[in-house]
Amino acid sequence: MASKILLSLLVLAAASPAALAAFDVIQMLVDKPQYAGFSKVLAQTNVAAEANQLKVASLLVVPEKTVKSLVSLPVDKLRQAVANHVLLSYFDPIKLDEMKTRTALLPTLLSNTDKALGVLNYSKADDGQMYFGAPGAPCVAKLVKVVAARPYTVSIMEISEPILPPGFGKPDAAPGRRGKGGKGKIKPAGLDESKEVTGKKPDDAAGKAESPGSAAAAPSPAS
């Protein structure tokens, strides 16, 4: 299984038109029309340009069938919501699975302007399925698959629905039944956490999410 995940990531990386230096998240999505709506708001809000300036990043995208609740937000909330889909570290399903805890707070691009809202709650359910949620909201945005990646630099992963803070609107997809998640105190994930994976070569850090299952209960942000 691990070899298949690694092979799929290498194919994605080789197919990327981006050079080994800077990356362009819009270019990485240009041949994927199923994310056209999300790509459009990335450009409109200037979040894409800001993300491209990062040394490492992980972008969480949603398909056309669930993007409506995001693109319909008023302008003053749209930029915040989109920026909160850009993680400030490199993550993929393997790296998330290797985290020492089953819950964590992951800083996002929004943290540059809003420390309170600029994090995502991450939680892994008992069946291995991974979920994300905004502070104060349930972890119901399910990690679906890796869309594109350049190991240890940038990854683009599909999630089941937009991640919206309370009061920003309702997701298009109805939340499923949530199962039991991990225990223990939530620990913020450091911005250089991607360097902490031991015994792995850079090419090992990628793959697809586990099969769909029940989501974990949303963890409360650490004080």
Protein backbone atom coordinates (compact mmCIF):
# COMPACT_ATOMS: atom_id res chain seq x y z
CA MET A 1 0.00 0.00 0.00
CA ALA A 2 2.77 2.43 0.95
CA SER A 3 4.55 1.80 -2.35
CA LYS A 4 1.35 2.54 -4.31
CA ILE A 5 0.86 5.80 -2.39
CA LEU A 6 4.45 6.82 -3.07
CA LEU A 7 4.17 5.95 -6.76
CA SER A 8 0.97 8.00 -7.17
CA LEU A 9 2.64 10.99 -5.54
CA LEU A 10 5.70 10.73 -7.77
CA VAL A 11 3.44 10.70 -10.83
CA LEU A 12 1.60 13.80 -9.57
CA ALA A 13 4.87 15.57 -8.88
CA ALA A 14 6.35 14.68 -12.26
CA ALA A 15 3.21 15.85 -14.03
CA SER A 16 3.28 19.25 -12.35
CA PRO A 17 4.35 22.04 -14.73
CA ALA A 18 5.82 24.02 -11.84
CA ALA A 19 9.57 24.18 -11.50
CA LEU A 20 11.39 22.90 -8.44
CA ALA A 21 11.72 26.42 -7.05
CA ALA A 22 8.56 28.50 -6.52
CA PHE A 23 5.14 26.93 -6.89
CA ASP A 24 1.89 28.26 -8.34
CA VAL A 25 -1.26 26.76 -6.84
CA ILE A 26 -3.47 28.07 -9.65
CA GLN A 27 -1.22 26.47 -12.26
CA MET A 28 -1.32 23.19 -10.34
CA LEU A 29 -5.12 23.24 -10.63
CA VAL A 30 -5.39 24.56 -14.19
CA ASP A 31 -6.11 21.16 -15.76
CA LYS A 32 -8.60 20.16 -13.04
CA PRO A 33 -12.00 21.71 -13.93
CA GLN A 34 -13.64 20.03 -10.94
CA TYR A 35 -11.98 22.71 -8.80
CA ALA A 36 -12.64 25.66 -11.12
CA GLY A 37 -14.87 27.49 -8.62
CA PHE A 38 -12.30 27.24 -5.86
CA SER A 39 -9.50 28.31 -8.21
CA LYS A 40 -11.55 31.37 -9.15
CA VAL A 41 -11.94 32.58 -5.56
CA LEU A 42 -8.27 31.82 -4.88
CA ALA A 43 -7.39 34.32 -7.60
CA GLN A 44 -10.13 36.86 -6.80
CA THR A 45 -9.19 37.14 -3.13
CA ASN A 46 -5.42 37.24 -3.87
CA VAL A 47 -4.99 34.24 -1.58
CA ALA A 48 -3.29 32.33 -4.40
CA ALA A 49 -0.61 35.01 -4.75
CA GLU A 50 -0.04 35.03 -0.98
CA ALA A 51 0.16 31.23 -0.86
CA ASN A 52 2.70 31.22 -3.70
CA GLN A 53 5.02 33.37 -1.57
CA LEU A 54 5.23 30.69 1.14
CA LYS A 55 8.18 28.31 1.30
CA VAL A 56 5.87 25.40 2.13
CA ALA A 57 2.09 25.12 2.07
CA SER A 58 -0.86 22.75 1.98
CA LEU A 59 -4.00 23.80 0.14
CA LEU A 60 -7.38 22.28 0.97
CA VAL A 61 -9.74 22.50 -2.02
CA VAL A 62 -13.40 21.60 -2.51
CA PRO A 63 -15.07 20.29 -5.69
CA GLU A 64 -17.72 22.16 -7.65
CA LYS A 65 -20.59 20.28 -6.01
CA THR A 66 -19.82 21.74 -2.56
CA VAL A 67 -18.17 25.09 -3.34
CA LYS A 68 -21.42 27.12 -3.43
CA SER A 69 -21.49 27.93 0.29
CA LEU A 70 -17.98 29.37 -0.04
CA VAL A 71 -18.31 31.42 -3.23
CA SER A 72 -21.63 32.88 -2.04
CA LEU A 73 -20.03 34.53 1.01
CA PRO A 74 -19.93 38.35 1.15
CA VAL A 75 -16.63 39.89 0.08
CA ASP A 76 -15.55 40.78 3.63
CA LYS A 77 -15.83 37.13 4.71
CA LEU A 78 -14.75 35.41 1.49
CA ARG A 79 -11.06 36.29 1.75
CA GLN A 80 -10.93 35.10 5.37
CA ALA A 81 -12.61 31.80 4.56
CA VAL A 82 -10.39 31.06 1.55
CA ALA A 83 -7.20 31.99 3.44
CA ASN A 84 -8.19 29.51 6.13
CA HIS A 85 -7.88 26.70 3.55
CA VAL A 86 -4.11 27.29 3.22
CA LEU A 87 -2.02 25.52 5.87
CA LEU A 88 1.39 27.01 6.68
CA SER A 89 3.14 23.62 6.71
CA TYR A 90 3.44 20.74 4.29
CA PHE A 91 0.91 18.01 5.03
CA ASP A 92 -0.33 14.92 3.26
CA PRO A 93 -2.23 11.86 4.56
CA ILE A 94 0.96 10.02 5.53
CA LYS A 95 2.40 12.96 7.43
CA LEU A 96 -0.92 13.60 9.17
CA ASP A 97 -1.10 9.93 10.13
CA GLU A 98 2.41 10.12 11.61
CA MET A 99 1.45 12.89 14.04
CA LYS A 100 1.91 11.88 17.67
CA THR A 101 -1.61 12.98 18.60
CA ARG A 102 -4.94 12.34 16.87
CA THR A 103 -5.98 15.98 17.25
CA ALA A 104 -4.05 19.17 16.55
CA LEU A 105 -4.34 22.87 15.77
CA LEU A 106 -2.89 23.70 12.36
CA PRO A 107 -1.99 27.36 11.60
CA THR A 108 -3.35 28.78 8.34
CA LEU A 109 -2.61 31.77 6.11
CA LEU A 110 -5.38 33.65 7.92
CA SER A 111 -3.27 33.64 11.10
CA ASN A 112 -1.18 36.45 9.57
CA THR A 113 -4.14 38.80 10.12
CA ASP A 114 -6.38 36.95 12.59
CA LYS A 115 -4.72 34.77 15.23
CA ALA A 116 -8.03 33.57 16.67
CA LEU A 117 -9.62 32.36 13.43
CA GLY A 118 -6.38 31.49 11.63
CA VAL A 119 -6.15 27.86 12.71
CA LEU A 120 -7.89 24.63 11.79
CA ASN A 121 -8.81 21.80 14.10
CA TYR A 122 -7.53 18.46 12.81
CA SER A 123 -8.90 15.16 14.08
CA LYS A 124 -8.43 11.52 13.12
CA ALA A 125 -11.32 9.15 13.79
CA ASP A 126 -11.02 5.62 15.13
CA ASP A 127 -11.28 4.21 11.60
CA GLY A 128 -8.36 6.37 10.40
CA GLN A 129 -10.46 8.89 8.45
CA MET A 130 -9.16 12.47 8.79
CA TYR A 131 -11.25 15.60 9.31
CA PHE A 132 -10.81 19.37 9.55
CA GLY A 133 -12.92 22.08 11.15
CA ALA A 134 -12.80 25.78 11.98
CA PRO A 135 -12.47 26.94 15.61
CA GLY A 136 -15.85 26.61 17.31
CA ALA A 137 -17.27 24.42 14.52
CA PRO A 138 -17.47 20.61 14.16
CA CYS A 139 -14.68 18.70 12.38
CA VAL A 140 -16.78 17.48 9.44
CA ALA A 141 -14.69 18.43 6.39
CA LYS A 142 -13.39 14.99 5.40
CA LEU A 143 -10.01 14.52 3.73
CA VAL A 144 -10.82 12.84 0.41
CA LYS A 145 -7.61 12.56 -1.60
CA VAL A 146 -4.36 14.15 -2.74
CA VAL A 147 -4.97 16.21 -5.88
CA ALA A 148 -1.39 17.34 -6.61
CA ALA A 149 1.84 17.57 -4.68
CA ARG A 150 5.53 18.31 -4.66
CA PRO A 151 6.79 16.41 -1.61
CA TYR A 152 7.81 18.55 1.34
CA THR A 153 7.03 21.76 -0.57
CA VAL A 154 3.36 21.99 -1.50
CA SER A 155 0.37 19.69 -1.46
CA ILE A 156 -3.18 20.17 -2.69
CA MET A 157 -5.78 17.94 -1.03
CA GLU A 158 -9.50 17.65 -1.66
CA ILE A 159 -11.87 17.91 1.30
CA SER A 160 -15.56 17.07 1.29
CA GLU A 161 -16.89 20.56 2.05
CA PRO A 162 -15.70 24.12 2.75
CA ILE A 163 -14.34 24.89 6.22
CA LEU A 164 -16.38 27.83 7.47
CA PRO A 165 -16.13 29.50 10.90
CA PRO A 166 -19.39 29.84 12.87
CA GLY A 167 -21.56 32.56 11.37
CA PHE A 168 -19.95 32.33 7.92
CA GLY A 169 -22.71 30.17 6.43
CA LYS A 170 -23.64 26.52 6.23
CA PRO A 171 -21.69 23.87 4.27
CA ASP A 172 -23.47 22.40 1.22
CA ALA A 173 -22.82 18.80 2.26
CA ALA A 174 -24.81 17.50 5.21
CA PRO A 175 -22.47 16.42 8.01
CA GLY A 176 -22.38 12.69 8.52
CA ARG A 177 -22.44 10.83 11.79
CA ARG A 178 -19.27 11.53 13.70
CA GLY A 179 -17.41 8.79 15.54
CA LYS A 180 -14.95 8.89 18.39
CA GLY A 181 -11.75 10.77 17.84
CA GLY A 182 -8.40 10.84 19.51
CA LYS A 183 -7.84 11.68 23.14
CA GLY A 184 -5.50 14.12 24.79
CA LYS A 185 -4.74 17.79 24.73
CA ILE A 186 -4.62 19.52 21.38
CA LYS A 187 -1.12 20.67 20.51
CA PRO A 188 -0.41 23.38 17.93
CA ALA A 189 1.49 22.05 14.92
CA GLY A 190 4.70 24.03 14.41
CA LEU A 191 5.30 25.73 11.12
CA ASP A 192 8.41 23.59 10.54
CA GLU A 193 6.77 20.35 11.63
CA SER A 194 7.29 18.83 8.19
CA LYS A 195 10.98 18.48 9.04
CA GLU A 196 10.22 16.29 12.05
CA VAL A 197 9.31 13.11 10.17
CA THR A 198 12.09 10.64 10.85
CA GLY A 199 13.21 7.67 8.82
CA LYS A 200 11.42 8.93 5.73
CA LYS A 201 12.78 10.32 2.51
CA PRO A 202 10.92 13.35 1.13
CA ASP A 203 9.30 11.22 -1.54
CA ASP A 204 7.63 9.10 1.13
CA ALA A 205 5.45 11.94 2.37
CA ALA A 206 2.23 11.71 0.38
CA GLY A 207 -0.76 9.56 -0.45
CA LYS A 208 -4.46 9.19 -0.39
CA ALA A 209 -6.71 9.43 2.61
CA GLU A 210 -8.17 6.32 4.19
CA SER A 211 -11.58 5.08 3.12
CA PRO A 212 -14.56 7.20 4.28
CA GLY A 213 -15.77 6.58 7.77
CA SER A 214 -17.19 8.36 10.76
CA ALA A 215 -15.75 11.73 11.66
CA ALA A 216 -14.19 12.50 14.99
CA ALA A 217 -15.75 14.84 17.52
CA ALA A 218 -14.44 18.38 17.02
CA PRO A 219 -11.62 19.27 19.39
CA SER A 220 -11.68 22.61 21.19
CA PRO A 221 -8.86 25.02 20.34
CA ALA A 222 -6.08 25.09 22.90
CA SER A 223 -6.06 28.21 25.05
